[in-house]
Amino acid sequence: MNIKNVSQMPVAEGKSVQQTVELLTRKLEVLGAEKQGTFCVDCETYHTAASTLGSQGQTGKLMYVMHNSEYPLSCFALFENGPCLIADTNFDVLMVKLKGFFQSAKASKIETRGTRYQYCDFLVKVGTVTMGPSARGISVEVEYGPCVVASDCWSLLLEFLQSFLGSHTPGAPAVFGSRHDTVYGPADTMVQYMELFNKIRKQQQVPVAGIR
């Protein structure tokens, strides 16, 4: 699995989300990047059903069910402060049967869609993050192909990020810290998207049932 960094790009002053996306993609094209199709990552939040919490003031846990167009045959279930389960696409059907234990939070669906760009050994995905009909932010995913261990290539990845994100270049994601010298996997990418989506939710202060 190639190393990936997922971050949020702030909306440029005086610009809309879409205009900022266009500015970013134009920078990539000036660098020489070529379009390589589209991508989509989505996330739906589930919370522990009230009937399973008992009467001792227990706090319900959140679970995020996610899909990524890069892995069309897989579904990812990420537990709050817990592991990431990778299952096949029928997991969504299973969640319907588990509604007595986990219930979908109302209006919790969030996704990012956009264009993939190839530049030498880098694959860049710039997406518009939406909740319902509204654009909420911008996601930027950068993948470095020849490496599978974060500590071996973070400096190179950072240099490339700086070439088109400038002062908005992110720091190393938290997942790199815990897996600095181990082989990177798909779950590490999904954890980064989950953290990005939750950050955007909080920034927008959208009232979503089951979201803290």
N, C-alpha and C. Protein backbone atom coordinates (compact mmCIF):
# COMPACT_ATOMS: atom_id res chain seq x y z
N MET A 1 0.85 -1.19 0.00
CA MET A 1 0.00 0.00 0.00
C MET A 1 0.88 1.24 0.00
N ASN A 2 0.66 2.13 -0.94
CA ASN A 2 1.47 3.34 -1.05
C ASN A 2 1.13 4.34 0.05
N ILE A 3 2.12 5.16 0.43
CA ILE A 3 1.93 6.15 1.49
C ILE A 3 1.00 7.26 1.01
N LYS A 4 0.03 7.64 1.86
CA LYS A 4 -0.92 8.70 1.50
C LYS A 4 -1.05 9.69 2.64
N ASN A 5 -1.22 10.95 2.28
CA ASN A 5 -1.49 12.01 3.24
C ASN A 5 -2.79 12.69 2.85
N VAL A 6 -3.72 12.76 3.81
CA VAL A 6 -5.02 13.39 3.58
C VAL A 6 -5.11 14.64 4.44
N SER A 7 -5.45 15.77 3.84
CA SER A 7 -5.52 17.01 4.60
C SER A 7 -6.65 17.90 4.08
N GLN A 8 -6.93 18.95 4.83
CA GLN A 8 -7.95 19.92 4.44
C GLN A 8 -7.29 21.17 3.90
N MET A 9 -7.83 21.68 2.82
CA MET A 9 -7.35 22.93 2.24
C MET A 9 -8.36 24.03 2.59
N PRO A 10 -7.94 25.11 3.26
CA PRO A 10 -8.88 26.19 3.58
C PRO A 10 -9.40 26.86 2.31
N VAL A 11 -10.60 27.37 2.38
CA VAL A 11 -11.17 28.10 1.25
C VAL A 11 -10.44 29.44 1.14
N ALA A 12 -10.00 29.77 -0.06
CA ALA A 12 -9.26 31.02 -0.29
C ALA A 12 -10.13 32.23 0.03
N GLU A 13 -9.52 33.26 0.57
CA GLU A 13 -10.25 34.47 0.95
C GLU A 13 -10.95 35.08 -0.26
N GLY A 14 -12.23 35.35 -0.10
CA GLY A 14 -13.01 35.94 -1.18
C GLY A 14 -13.43 34.97 -2.25
N LYS A 15 -13.13 33.68 -2.05
CA LYS A 15 -13.47 32.66 -3.05
C LYS A 15 -14.47 31.66 -2.47
N SER A 16 -15.17 30.96 -3.35
CA SER A 16 -16.06 29.88 -2.92
C SER A 16 -15.25 28.59 -2.86
N VAL A 17 -15.87 27.53 -2.35
CA VAL A 17 -15.22 26.22 -2.31
C VAL A 17 -14.83 25.80 -3.72
N GLN A 18 -15.79 25.92 -4.66
CA GLN A 18 -15.53 25.47 -6.02
C GLN A 18 -14.42 26.29 -6.69
N GLN A 19 -14.39 27.59 -6.44
CA GLN A 19 -13.35 28.43 -7.02
C GLN A 19 -11.97 28.07 -6.46
N THR A 20 -11.92 27.72 -5.17
CA THR A 20 -10.65 27.32 -4.56
C THR A 20 -10.18 25.98 -5.13
N VAL A 21 -11.11 25.06 -5.35
CA VAL A 21 -10.78 23.77 -5.98
C VAL A 21 -10.18 24.01 -7.36
N GLU A 22 -10.79 24.93 -8.11
CA GLU A 22 -10.29 25.23 -9.45
C GLU A 22 -8.89 25.84 -9.41
N LEU A 23 -8.63 26.67 -8.41
CA LEU A 23 -7.29 27.24 -8.26
C LEU A 23 -6.25 26.15 -7.99
N LEU A 24 -6.62 25.20 -7.12
CA LEU A 24 -5.71 24.10 -6.80
C LEU A 24 -5.43 23.22 -8.01
N THR A 25 -6.49 22.85 -8.71
CA THR A 25 -6.29 21.96 -9.86
C THR A 25 -5.52 22.66 -10.97
N ARG A 26 -5.70 23.98 -11.08
CA ARG A 26 -4.94 24.73 -12.08
C ARG A 26 -3.44 24.71 -11.74
N LYS A 27 -3.12 24.82 -10.45
CA LYS A 27 -1.72 24.74 -10.02
C LYS A 27 -1.12 23.39 -10.39
N LEU A 28 -1.90 22.33 -10.17
CA LEU A 28 -1.41 20.99 -10.50
C LEU A 28 -1.16 20.85 -11.99
N GLU A 29 -2.07 21.39 -12.79
CA GLU A 29 -1.91 21.29 -14.24
C GLU A 29 -0.72 22.10 -14.73
N VAL A 30 -0.45 23.24 -14.07
CA VAL A 30 0.73 24.04 -14.42
C VAL A 30 2.01 23.27 -14.11
N LEU A 31 1.98 22.49 -13.02
CA LEU A 31 3.13 21.66 -12.66
C LEU A 31 3.38 20.55 -13.68
N GLY A 32 2.32 20.20 -14.42
CA GLY A 32 2.44 19.13 -15.40
C GLY A 32 1.64 17.89 -15.07
N ALA A 33 0.79 17.97 -14.02
CA ALA A 33 -0.03 16.82 -13.64
C ALA A 33 -1.12 16.57 -14.69
N GLU A 34 -1.46 15.30 -14.87
CA GLU A 34 -2.47 14.92 -15.86
C GLU A 34 -3.67 14.27 -15.17
N LYS A 35 -4.86 14.57 -15.67
CA LYS A 35 -6.08 14.00 -15.10
C LYS A 35 -6.10 12.48 -15.30
N GLN A 36 -6.51 11.78 -14.21
CA GLN A 36 -6.59 10.32 -14.25
C GLN A 36 -7.93 9.86 -13.67
N GLY A 37 -9.02 10.42 -14.16
CA GLY A 37 -10.33 9.98 -13.69
C GLY A 37 -10.80 10.72 -12.45
N THR A 38 -11.77 10.13 -11.76
CA THR A 38 -12.38 10.75 -10.59
C THR A 38 -12.31 9.81 -9.38
N PHE A 39 -12.71 10.32 -8.23
CA PHE A 39 -12.71 9.51 -7.00
C PHE A 39 -13.85 9.95 -6.10
N CYS A 40 -14.19 9.10 -5.14
CA CYS A 40 -15.21 9.43 -4.15
C CYS A 40 -14.92 8.66 -2.86
N VAL A 41 -15.02 9.35 -1.73
CA VAL A 41 -14.95 8.73 -0.41
C VAL A 41 -16.17 9.20 0.37
N ASP A 42 -16.92 8.27 0.95
CA ASP A 42 -18.10 8.68 1.72
C ASP A 42 -18.06 8.08 3.12
N CYS A 43 -18.84 8.66 4.00
CA CYS A 43 -18.86 8.24 5.40
C CYS A 43 -20.25 8.46 6.00
N GLU A 44 -20.76 7.44 6.66
CA GLU A 44 -22.04 7.56 7.37
C GLU A 44 -21.80 7.17 8.82
N THR A 45 -22.36 7.93 9.73
CA THR A 45 -22.13 7.72 11.16
C THR A 45 -23.27 6.94 11.79
N TYR A 46 -22.89 5.98 12.62
CA TYR A 46 -23.86 5.19 13.39
C TYR A 46 -23.54 5.38 14.88
N HIS A 47 -24.57 5.41 15.70
CA HIS A 47 -24.36 5.49 17.14
C HIS A 47 -25.03 4.31 17.82
N THR A 48 -24.54 3.97 18.99
CA THR A 48 -25.09 2.85 19.73
C THR A 48 -26.56 3.08 20.03
N ALA A 49 -27.38 2.08 19.76
CA ALA A 49 -28.82 2.20 20.02
C ALA A 49 -29.08 2.40 21.51
N ALA A 50 -30.01 3.28 21.82
CA ALA A 50 -30.31 3.60 23.22
C ALA A 50 -30.70 2.36 24.01
N SER A 51 -31.36 1.41 23.34
CA SER A 51 -31.85 0.21 24.04
C SER A 51 -30.73 -0.69 24.53
N THR A 52 -29.50 -0.46 24.02
CA THR A 52 -28.38 -1.32 24.42
C THR A 52 -27.51 -0.69 25.50
N LEU A 53 -27.83 0.54 25.91
CA LEU A 53 -26.96 1.26 26.85
C LEU A 53 -27.26 0.95 28.30
N GLY A 54 -28.42 0.38 28.59
CA GLY A 54 -28.75 0.10 29.98
C GLY A 54 -29.18 1.36 30.71
N SER A 55 -29.22 1.29 32.02
CA SER A 55 -29.73 2.41 32.82
C SER A 55 -28.68 2.99 33.75
N GLN A 56 -27.39 2.78 33.46
CA GLN A 56 -26.33 3.25 34.35
C GLN A 56 -25.54 4.41 33.75
N GLY A 57 -26.17 5.17 32.87
CA GLY A 57 -25.53 6.34 32.31
C GLY A 57 -24.37 6.03 31.38
N GLN A 58 -24.42 4.89 30.72
CA GLN A 58 -23.34 4.53 29.80
C GLN A 58 -23.34 5.46 28.59
N THR A 59 -22.15 5.73 28.07
CA THR A 59 -22.01 6.59 26.90
C THR A 59 -21.95 5.74 25.64
N GLY A 60 -22.78 6.08 24.66
CA GLY A 60 -22.79 5.33 23.42
C GLY A 60 -21.54 5.58 22.60
N LYS A 61 -21.17 4.60 21.80
CA LYS A 61 -20.00 4.73 20.94
C LYS A 61 -20.44 5.04 19.51
N LEU A 62 -19.53 5.67 18.76
CA LEU A 62 -19.79 5.97 17.37
C LEU A 62 -19.04 4.99 16.47
N MET A 63 -19.65 4.69 15.34
CA MET A 63 -18.99 3.87 14.33
C MET A 63 -19.21 4.54 12.98
N TYR A 64 -18.15 4.60 12.19
CA TYR A 64 -18.20 5.27 10.90
C TYR A 64 -18.08 4.21 9.80
N VAL A 65 -19.08 4.11 8.95
CA VAL A 65 -19.07 3.16 7.83
C VAL A 65 -18.70 3.93 6.57
N MET A 66 -17.60 3.52 5.95
CA MET A 66 -17.02 4.31 4.86
C MET A 66 -16.76 3.48 3.61
N HIS A 67 -16.76 4.19 2.48
CA HIS A 67 -16.42 3.58 1.19
C HIS A 67 -15.42 4.46 0.47
N ASN A 68 -14.58 3.84 -0.34
CA ASN A 68 -13.58 4.57 -1.11
C ASN A 68 -13.55 3.96 -2.51
N SER A 69 -13.71 4.79 -3.52
CA SER A 69 -13.76 4.30 -4.90
C SER A 69 -12.46 3.60 -5.32
N GLU A 70 -11.37 3.83 -4.58
CA GLU A 70 -10.12 3.14 -4.87
C GLU A 70 -10.21 1.67 -4.47
N TYR A 71 -11.15 1.34 -3.59
CA TYR A 71 -11.36 -0.04 -3.13
C TYR A 71 -12.83 -0.39 -3.33
N PRO A 72 -13.26 -0.58 -4.58
CA PRO A 72 -14.69 -0.74 -4.88
C PRO A 72 -15.35 -1.99 -4.29
N LEU A 73 -14.57 -2.97 -3.90
CA LEU A 73 -15.13 -4.21 -3.36
C LEU A 73 -15.09 -4.24 -1.83
N SER A 74 -14.69 -3.14 -1.22
CA SER A 74 -14.53 -3.12 0.24
C SER A 74 -15.40 -2.06 0.91
N CYS A 75 -15.69 -2.33 2.17
CA CYS A 75 -16.40 -1.39 3.03
C CYS A 75 -15.60 -1.31 4.32
N PHE A 76 -15.47 -0.10 4.88
CA PHE A 76 -14.65 0.10 6.07
C PHE A 76 -15.53 0.53 7.23
N ALA A 77 -15.36 -0.12 8.37
CA ALA A 77 -16.09 0.27 9.58
C ALA A 77 -15.07 0.68 10.63
N LEU A 78 -15.07 1.96 10.97
CA LEU A 78 -14.10 2.49 11.93
C LEU A 78 -14.82 2.82 13.23
N PHE A 79 -14.36 2.22 14.31
CA PHE A 79 -14.96 2.47 15.60
C PHE A 79 -14.28 3.66 16.28
N GLU A 80 -15.06 4.39 17.04
CA GLU A 80 -14.53 5.53 17.76
C GLU A 80 -13.43 5.07 18.70
N ASN A 81 -12.23 5.63 18.53
CA ASN A 81 -11.07 5.26 19.35
C ASN A 81 -10.81 3.76 19.34
N GLY A 82 -11.06 3.13 18.19
CA GLY A 82 -10.88 1.69 18.12
C GLY A 82 -10.34 1.25 16.78
N PRO A 83 -10.50 -0.03 16.48
CA PRO A 83 -9.92 -0.59 15.26
C PRO A 83 -10.73 -0.26 14.01
N CYS A 84 -10.17 -0.59 12.86
CA CYS A 84 -10.85 -0.44 11.58
C CYS A 84 -11.11 -1.83 11.01
N LEU A 85 -12.37 -2.13 10.77
CA LEU A 85 -12.75 -3.41 10.17
C LEU A 85 -12.88 -3.23 8.67
N ILE A 86 -12.23 -4.10 7.90
CA ILE A 86 -12.35 -4.08 6.45
C ILE A 86 -13.18 -5.27 6.02
N ALA A 87 -14.33 -5.00 5.40
CA ALA A 87 -15.24 -6.06 4.99
C ALA A 87 -15.60 -5.89 3.53
N ASP A 88 -16.42 -6.82 3.00
CA ASP A 88 -16.86 -6.64 1.62
C ASP A 88 -18.07 -5.71 1.59
N THR A 89 -18.53 -5.40 0.40
CA THR A 89 -19.57 -4.38 0.26
C THR A 89 -20.91 -4.78 0.87
N ASN A 90 -21.11 -6.06 1.18
CA ASN A 90 -22.36 -6.50 1.80
C ASN A 90 -22.48 -6.06 3.25
N PHE A 91 -21.43 -5.43 3.77
CA PHE A 91 -21.47 -4.96 5.16
C PHE A 91 -22.59 -3.95 5.36
N ASP A 92 -22.91 -3.18 4.33
CA ASP A 92 -23.99 -2.20 4.44
C ASP A 92 -25.32 -2.89 4.72
N VAL A 93 -25.53 -4.06 4.10
CA VAL A 93 -26.75 -4.82 4.33
C VAL A 93 -26.79 -5.31 5.77
N LEU A 94 -25.62 -5.73 6.27
CA LEU A 94 -25.53 -6.20 7.65
C LEU A 94 -25.91 -5.10 8.64
N MET A 95 -25.53 -3.86 8.34
CA MET A 95 -25.84 -2.75 9.25
C MET A 95 -27.34 -2.55 9.40
N VAL A 96 -28.08 -2.83 8.33
CA VAL A 96 -29.55 -2.73 8.41
C VAL A 96 -30.08 -3.76 9.41
N LYS A 97 -29.48 -4.96 9.39
CA LYS A 97 -29.92 -6.02 10.31
C LYS A 97 -29.47 -5.77 11.74
N LEU A 98 -28.47 -4.90 11.91
CA LEU A 98 -27.95 -4.60 13.25
C LEU A 98 -28.55 -3.32 13.83
N LYS A 99 -29.69 -2.88 13.26
CA LYS A 99 -30.26 -1.60 13.70
C LYS A 99 -30.68 -1.62 15.17
N GLY A 100 -30.80 -2.81 15.75
CA GLY A 100 -31.11 -2.90 17.18
C GLY A 100 -29.91 -2.55 18.04
N PHE A 101 -28.73 -2.54 17.43
CA PHE A 101 -27.49 -2.25 18.16
C PHE A 101 -26.85 -0.93 17.71
N PHE A 102 -26.87 -0.67 16.39
CA PHE A 102 -26.33 0.58 15.85
C PHE A 102 -27.37 1.25 14.96
N GLN A 103 -27.60 2.52 15.20
CA GLN A 103 -28.57 3.27 14.41
C GLN A 103 -27.89 4.40 13.67
N SER A 104 -28.32 4.62 12.43
CA SER A 104 -27.73 5.67 11.62
C SER A 104 -28.09 7.04 12.19
N ALA A 105 -27.08 7.87 12.34
CA ALA A 105 -27.32 9.23 12.83
C ALA A 105 -27.96 10.04 11.70
N LYS A 106 -28.99 10.81 12.04
CA LYS A 106 -29.71 11.57 11.03
C LYS A 106 -28.81 12.62 10.38
N ALA A 107 -28.93 12.75 9.07
CA ALA A 107 -28.19 13.76 8.30
C ALA A 107 -26.68 13.67 8.52
N SER A 108 -26.16 12.44 8.71
CA SER A 108 -24.73 12.29 9.00
C SER A 108 -23.89 12.00 7.77
N LYS A 109 -24.52 11.74 6.62
CA LYS A 109 -23.77 11.36 5.42
C LYS A 109 -22.89 12.52 4.95
N ILE A 110 -21.61 12.23 4.80
CA ILE A 110 -20.66 13.23 4.31
C ILE A 110 -19.76 12.54 3.29
N GLU A 111 -19.37 13.25 2.25
CA GLU A 111 -18.53 12.64 1.22
C GLU A 111 -17.66 13.69 0.56
N THR A 112 -16.63 13.20 -0.11
CA THR A 112 -15.79 14.07 -0.93
C THR A 112 -15.66 13.46 -2.31
N ARG A 113 -15.81 14.28 -3.33
CA ARG A 113 -15.69 13.85 -4.72
C ARG A 113 -14.79 14.83 -5.47
N GLY A 114 -14.07 14.30 -6.45
CA GLY A 114 -13.23 15.19 -7.22
C GLY A 114 -12.45 14.46 -8.29
N THR A 115 -11.36 15.07 -8.71
CA THR A 115 -10.55 14.56 -9.82
C THR A 115 -9.21 14.03 -9.33
N ARG A 116 -8.76 12.96 -9.95
CA ARG A 116 -7.43 12.39 -9.66
C ARG A 116 -6.43 12.95 -10.67
N TYR A 117 -5.25 13.30 -10.17
CA TYR A 117 -4.18 13.81 -11.03
C TYR A 117 -2.90 12.98 -10.82
N GLN A 118 -2.26 12.61 -11.90
CA GLN A 118 -0.99 11.90 -11.82
C GLN A 118 0.15 12.85 -12.17
N TYR A 119 1.16 12.88 -11.27
CA TYR A 119 2.34 13.70 -11.54
C TYR A 119 3.57 12.87 -11.14
N CYS A 120 4.27 12.35 -12.13
CA CYS A 120 5.42 11.47 -11.87
C CYS A 120 4.99 10.34 -10.92
N ASP A 121 5.64 10.21 -9.76
CA ASP A 121 5.29 9.13 -8.83
C ASP A 121 4.20 9.52 -7.84
N PHE A 122 3.58 10.67 -8.03
CA PHE A 122 2.56 11.16 -7.10
C PHE A 122 1.17 11.08 -7.74
N LEU A 123 0.21 10.68 -6.93
CA LEU A 123 -1.20 10.70 -7.33
C LEU A 123 -1.91 11.67 -6.39
N VAL A 124 -2.53 12.70 -6.95
CA VAL A 124 -3.17 13.74 -6.14
C VAL A 124 -4.67 13.73 -6.40
N LYS A 125 -5.45 13.80 -5.31
CA LYS A 125 -6.91 13.84 -5.42
C LYS A 125 -7.42 15.08 -4.69
N VAL A 126 -8.02 15.97 -5.44
CA VAL A 126 -8.60 17.19 -4.86
C VAL A 126 -10.11 17.04 -4.91
N GLY A 127 -10.75 17.08 -3.74
CA GLY A 127 -12.18 16.84 -3.69
C GLY A 127 -12.97 17.92 -2.98
N THR A 128 -14.25 18.02 -3.33
CA THR A 128 -15.18 18.92 -2.65
C THR A 128 -15.95 18.10 -1.63
N VAL A 129 -15.84 18.50 -0.36
CA VAL A 129 -16.53 17.80 0.72
C VAL A 129 -17.95 18.34 0.85
N THR A 130 -18.93 17.46 0.80
CA THR A 130 -20.32 17.91 0.87
C THR A 130 -21.10 17.15 1.95
N MET A 131 -22.07 17.84 2.52
CA MET A 131 -23.07 17.22 3.39
C MET A 131 -24.41 17.64 2.82
N GLY A 132 -25.19 16.68 2.35
CA GLY A 132 -26.43 17.01 1.68
C GLY A 132 -26.11 17.79 0.41
N PRO A 133 -26.82 18.88 0.15
CA PRO A 133 -26.58 19.66 -1.07
C PRO A 133 -25.48 20.71 -0.93
N SER A 134 -24.92 20.85 0.29
CA SER A 134 -24.00 21.97 0.55
C SER A 134 -22.53 21.55 0.55
N ALA A 135 -21.69 22.37 -0.09
CA ALA A 135 -20.24 22.16 -0.05
C ALA A 135 -19.72 22.67 1.30
N ARG A 136 -18.96 21.83 2.00
CA ARG A 136 -18.49 22.17 3.34
C ARG A 136 -16.99 22.40 3.44
N GLY A 137 -16.23 21.94 2.45
CA GLY A 137 -14.79 22.10 2.55
C GLY A 137 -14.08 21.42 1.38
N ILE A 138 -12.75 21.35 1.49
CA ILE A 138 -11.92 20.81 0.41
C ILE A 138 -10.96 19.78 0.99
N SER A 139 -10.89 18.63 0.37
CA SER A 139 -9.94 17.59 0.78
C SER A 139 -8.82 17.47 -0.26
N VAL A 140 -7.62 17.19 0.23
CA VAL A 140 -6.48 16.96 -0.66
C VAL A 140 -5.78 15.68 -0.20
N GLU A 141 -5.74 14.70 -1.07
CA GLU A 141 -5.02 13.46 -0.78
C GLU A 141 -3.83 13.35 -1.73
N VAL A 142 -2.66 13.11 -1.18
CA VAL A 142 -1.46 12.93 -1.99
C VAL A 142 -0.86 11.57 -1.69
N GLU A 143 -0.65 10.80 -2.73
CA GLU A 143 -0.09 9.45 -2.60
C GLU A 143 1.28 9.40 -3.28
N TYR A 144 2.23 8.79 -2.58
CA TYR A 144 3.56 8.60 -3.16
C TYR A 144 3.72 7.11 -3.47
N GLY A 145 3.85 6.78 -4.74
CA GLY A 145 3.80 5.40 -5.18
C GLY A 145 4.91 4.46 -4.77
N PRO A 146 6.18 4.86 -4.84
CA PRO A 146 7.27 3.90 -4.65
C PRO A 146 7.55 3.49 -3.20
N CYS A 147 6.78 3.97 -2.23
CA CYS A 147 7.13 3.73 -0.82
C CYS A 147 5.94 3.20 -0.03
N VAL A 148 6.22 2.34 0.97
CA VAL A 148 5.16 1.78 1.81
C VAL A 148 5.40 2.04 3.30
N VAL A 149 6.48 2.74 3.64
CA VAL A 149 6.80 3.06 5.04
C VAL A 149 6.93 4.58 5.17
N ALA A 150 6.12 5.17 6.04
CA ALA A 150 6.04 6.63 6.14
C ALA A 150 7.38 7.28 6.44
N SER A 151 8.15 6.69 7.33
CA SER A 151 9.42 7.31 7.74
C SER A 151 10.43 7.40 6.59
N ASP A 152 10.24 6.58 5.57
CA ASP A 152 11.18 6.56 4.44
C ASP A 152 10.94 7.67 3.42
N CYS A 153 9.75 8.29 3.46
CA CYS A 153 9.44 9.23 2.38
C CYS A 153 8.69 10.48 2.80
N TRP A 154 8.48 10.70 4.11
CA TRP A 154 7.70 11.86 4.52
C TRP A 154 8.33 13.17 4.05
N SER A 155 9.66 13.28 4.12
CA SER A 155 10.33 14.52 3.71
C SER A 155 10.06 14.83 2.24
N LEU A 156 10.10 13.79 1.40
CA LEU A 156 9.84 13.97 -0.02
C LEU A 156 8.38 14.33 -0.27
N LEU A 157 7.48 13.66 0.45
CA LEU A 157 6.05 13.95 0.33
C LEU A 157 5.75 15.38 0.76
N LEU A 158 6.39 15.81 1.84
CA LEU A 158 6.20 17.17 2.35
C LEU A 158 6.68 18.21 1.34
N GLU A 159 7.80 17.94 0.70
CA GLU A 159 8.34 18.87 -0.30
C GLU A 159 7.38 19.03 -1.47
N PHE A 160 6.78 17.91 -1.89
CA PHE A 160 5.82 17.99 -2.99
C PHE A 160 4.56 18.74 -2.56
N LEU A 161 4.08 18.49 -1.35
CA LEU A 161 2.90 19.20 -0.84
C LEU A 161 3.14 20.71 -0.83
N GLN A 162 4.33 21.11 -0.43
CA GLN A 162 4.65 22.53 -0.37
C GLN A 162 4.65 23.18 -1.75
N SER A 163 4.90 22.39 -2.79
CA SER A 163 4.98 22.95 -4.14
C SER A 163 3.65 23.49 -4.64
N PHE A 164 2.53 23.00 -4.12
CA PHE A 164 1.25 23.55 -4.58
C PHE A 164 0.29 23.94 -3.46
N LEU A 165 0.60 23.59 -2.21
CA LEU A 165 -0.24 24.03 -1.10
C LEU A 165 0.36 25.23 -0.37
N GLY A 166 1.66 25.48 -0.58
CA GLY A 166 2.30 26.63 0.02
C GLY A 166 2.17 26.67 1.53
N SER A 167 1.69 27.81 2.06
CA SER A 167 1.59 28.00 3.51
C SER A 167 0.54 27.09 4.16
N HIS A 168 -0.29 26.45 3.35
CA HIS A 168 -1.32 25.56 3.89
C HIS A 168 -0.86 24.10 3.93
N THR A 169 0.44 23.88 3.72
CA THR A 169 0.97 22.52 3.77
C THR A 169 0.75 21.92 5.15
N PRO A 170 0.17 20.73 5.25
CA PRO A 170 -0.13 20.13 6.55
C PRO A 170 1.10 19.50 7.19
N GLY A 171 0.99 19.25 8.48
CA GLY A 171 2.02 18.48 9.17
C GLY A 171 1.75 17.00 8.97
N ALA A 172 2.61 16.18 9.50
CA ALA A 172 2.42 14.73 9.37
C ALA A 172 1.15 14.31 10.10
N PRO A 173 0.32 13.48 9.48
CA PRO A 173 -0.92 13.03 10.14
C PRO A 173 -0.62 12.17 11.36
N ALA A 174 -1.56 12.13 12.30
CA ALA A 174 -1.37 11.37 13.53
C ALA A 174 -1.10 9.90 13.26
N VAL A 175 -1.71 9.36 12.21
CA VAL A 175 -1.54 7.94 11.91
C VAL A 175 -0.08 7.62 11.54
N PHE A 176 0.65 8.61 11.03
CA PHE A 176 2.07 8.39 10.73
C PHE A 176 2.86 8.18 12.02
N GLY A 177 2.45 8.87 13.06
CA GLY A 177 3.17 8.75 14.33
C GLY A 177 3.07 7.37 14.92
N SER A 178 1.89 6.75 14.81
CA SER A 178 1.69 5.42 15.38
C SER A 178 2.22 4.31 14.48
N ARG A 179 2.39 4.62 13.18
CA ARG A 179 2.85 3.60 12.24
C ARG A 179 4.05 4.12 11.44
N HIS A 180 4.91 4.85 12.14
CA HIS A 180 6.02 5.55 11.48
C HIS A 180 6.95 4.59 10.73
N ASP A 181 7.22 3.44 11.33
CA ASP A 181 8.18 2.51 10.74
C ASP A 181 7.56 1.19 10.32
N THR A 182 6.24 1.18 10.13
CA THR A 182 5.56 -0.05 9.71
C THR A 182 4.92 0.16 8.34
N VAL A 183 4.51 -0.93 7.72
CA VAL A 183 3.92 -0.86 6.38
C VAL A 183 2.55 -0.18 6.44
N TYR A 184 2.37 0.80 5.60
CA TYR A 184 1.12 1.57 5.52
C TYR A 184 0.04 0.72 4.85
N GLY A 185 -1.22 0.86 5.31
CA GLY A 185 -2.31 0.08 4.75
C GLY A 185 -3.55 0.91 4.46
N PRO A 186 -4.54 0.35 3.76
CA PRO A 186 -5.77 1.09 3.42
C PRO A 186 -6.48 1.68 4.63
N ALA A 187 -6.46 0.97 5.75
CA ALA A 187 -7.13 1.47 6.95
C ALA A 187 -6.54 2.80 7.40
N ASP A 188 -5.23 2.99 7.19
CA ASP A 188 -4.58 4.24 7.59
C ASP A 188 -5.13 5.42 6.79
N THR A 189 -5.45 5.18 5.51
CA THR A 189 -6.05 6.23 4.69
C THR A 189 -7.45 6.57 5.18
N MET A 190 -8.23 5.55 5.50
CA MET A 190 -9.61 5.78 5.93
C MET A 190 -9.66 6.49 7.28
N VAL A 191 -8.71 6.19 8.16
CA VAL A 191 -8.65 6.91 9.45
C VAL A 191 -8.42 8.39 9.19
N GLN A 192 -7.55 8.72 8.24
CA GLN A 192 -7.29 10.13 7.92
C GLN A 192 -8.54 10.82 7.38
N TYR A 193 -9.30 10.12 6.52
CA TYR A 193 -10.54 10.71 6.00
C TYR A 193 -11.57 10.88 7.10
N MET A 194 -11.65 9.90 8.00
CA MET A 194 -12.60 10.01 9.11
C MET A 194 -12.28 11.25 9.96
N GLU A 195 -10.99 11.46 10.24
CA GLU A 195 -10.59 12.61 11.04
C GLU A 195 -10.87 13.92 10.30
N LEU A 196 -10.64 13.92 8.99
CA LEU A 196 -10.93 15.11 8.18
C LEU A 196 -12.42 15.43 8.19
N PHE A 197 -13.26 14.42 7.98
CA PHE A 197 -14.71 14.64 7.96
C PHE A 197 -15.20 15.16 9.31
N ASN A 198 -14.71 14.58 10.41
CA ASN A 198 -15.14 15.03 11.73
C ASN A 198 -14.69 16.46 12.00
N LYS A 199 -13.51 16.81 11.53
CA LYS A 199 -13.00 18.18 11.69
C LYS A 199 -13.90 19.17 10.95
N ILE A 200 -14.30 18.82 9.73
CA ILE A 200 -15.16 19.71 8.94
C ILE A 200 -16.54 19.81 9.56
N ARG A 201 -17.06 18.71 10.09
CA ARG A 201 -18.35 18.75 10.78
C ARG A 201 -18.32 19.75 11.93
N LYS A 202 -17.27 19.68 12.73
CA LYS A 202 -17.17 20.56 13.90
C LYS A 202 -17.00 22.02 13.49
N GLN A 203 -16.24 22.26 12.42
CA GLN A 203 -16.04 23.63 11.94
C GLN A 203 -17.34 24.25 11.49
N GLN A 204 -18.17 23.44 10.84
CA GLN A 204 -19.44 23.94 10.32
C GLN A 204 -20.51 23.99 11.39
N GLN A 205 -20.25 23.28 12.51
CA GLN A 205 -21.21 23.22 13.60
C GLN A 205 -22.59 22.83 13.11
N VAL A 206 -22.61 21.76 12.30
CA VAL A 206 -23.87 21.25 11.79
C VAL A 206 -24.51 20.36 12.85
N PRO A 207 -25.74 20.61 13.23
CA PRO A 207 -26.39 19.78 14.24
C PRO A 207 -26.74 18.42 13.68
N VAL A 208 -25.95 17.41 14.06
CA VAL A 208 -26.17 16.05 13.59
C VAL A 208 -26.43 15.14 14.77
N ALA A 209 -27.53 14.41 14.74
CA ALA A 209 -27.86 13.50 15.84
C ALA A 209 -26.77 12.46 16.02
N GLY A 210 -26.33 12.29 17.23
CA GLY A 210 -25.32 11.27 17.52
C GLY A 210 -23.90 11.74 17.32
N ILE A 211 -23.69 12.98 16.88
CA ILE A 211 -22.33 13.49 16.68
C ILE A 211 -21.98 14.41 17.84
N ARG A 212 -20.79 14.19 18.41
CA ARG A 212 -20.36 15.04 19.51
C ARG A 212 -19.30 16.00 19.00
